[in-house]
Amino acid sequence: MSENPDIHGKPLRGSLHGLWEIYYERKFRILYTIDIERKEVNIEAIKHKDL
């Protein structure tokens, strides 16, 4: 993820445009943004799939 965050996640559309998502162990949905210039991945939200 630290080398290529766009390969592991999926870009979101619509009102969530600009965010990416990835699932961790099929239990958690992680929403994040990618700042290419600063070489940063910023976690915006983590939600349990059952909630």
Protein backbone atom coordinates (compact mmCIF):
# COMPACT_ATOMS: atom_id res chain seq x y z
CA MET A 1 0.00 0.00 0.00
CA SER A 2 2.81 2.42 0.77
CA GLU A 3 4.32 1.99 -2.69
CA ASN A 4 1.14 1.95 -4.84
CA PRO A 5 -2.01 2.91 -2.89
CA ASP A 6 -4.06 3.20 -6.07
CA ILE A 7 -3.44 -0.44 -7.04
CA HIS A 8 -4.85 -1.91 -3.81
CA GLY A 9 -7.95 0.24 -3.46
CA LYS A 10 -10.91 1.25 -5.56
CA PRO A 11 -11.77 4.86 -6.46
CA LEU A 12 -15.25 5.94 -5.41
CA ARG A 13 -17.72 7.90 -7.51
CA GLY A 14 -20.56 10.30 -7.05
CA SER A 15 -20.67 12.20 -3.76
CA LEU A 16 -17.62 10.24 -2.55
CA HIS A 17 -15.49 11.23 -5.57
CA GLY A 18 -11.87 11.75 -4.50
CA LEU A 19 -12.01 8.98 -1.88
CA TRP A 20 -10.67 5.47 -2.28
CA GLU A 21 -11.83 2.33 -0.46
CA ILE A 22 -10.19 -0.88 0.58
CA TYR A 23 -11.52 -3.75 2.69
CA TYR A 24 -9.46 -5.24 5.50
CA GLU A 25 -10.14 -8.90 6.30
CA ARG A 26 -13.61 -8.45 4.75
CA LYS A 27 -14.74 -6.89 8.04
CA PHE A 28 -13.63 -3.28 7.79
CA ARG A 29 -14.13 -0.72 5.04
CA ILE A 30 -11.38 1.89 5.01
CA LEU A 31 -11.91 5.16 3.14
CA TYR A 32 -8.81 7.14 2.29
CA THR A 33 -7.42 9.90 0.09
CA ILE A 34 -4.15 9.89 -1.82
CA ASP A 35 -1.91 12.97 -1.94
CA ILE A 36 0.54 12.16 -4.72
CA GLU A 37 2.61 15.33 -4.35
CA ARG A 38 3.24 14.77 -0.64
CA LYS A 39 3.36 10.98 -1.03
CA GLU A 40 0.73 10.53 1.68
CA VAL A 41 -2.26 8.30 2.22
CA ASN A 42 -4.78 9.84 4.62
CA ILE A 43 -7.32 7.62 6.37
CA GLU A 44 -10.68 9.41 6.37
CA ALA A 45 -12.90 6.73 7.93
CA ILE A 46 -12.91 3.13 9.14
CA LYS A 47 -16.24 1.35 9.43
CA HIS A 48 -17.08 -2.17 10.54
CA LYS A 49 -18.99 -3.91 7.77
CA ASP A 50 -21.84 -4.96 10.07
CA LEU A 51 -22.59 -1.38 11.15
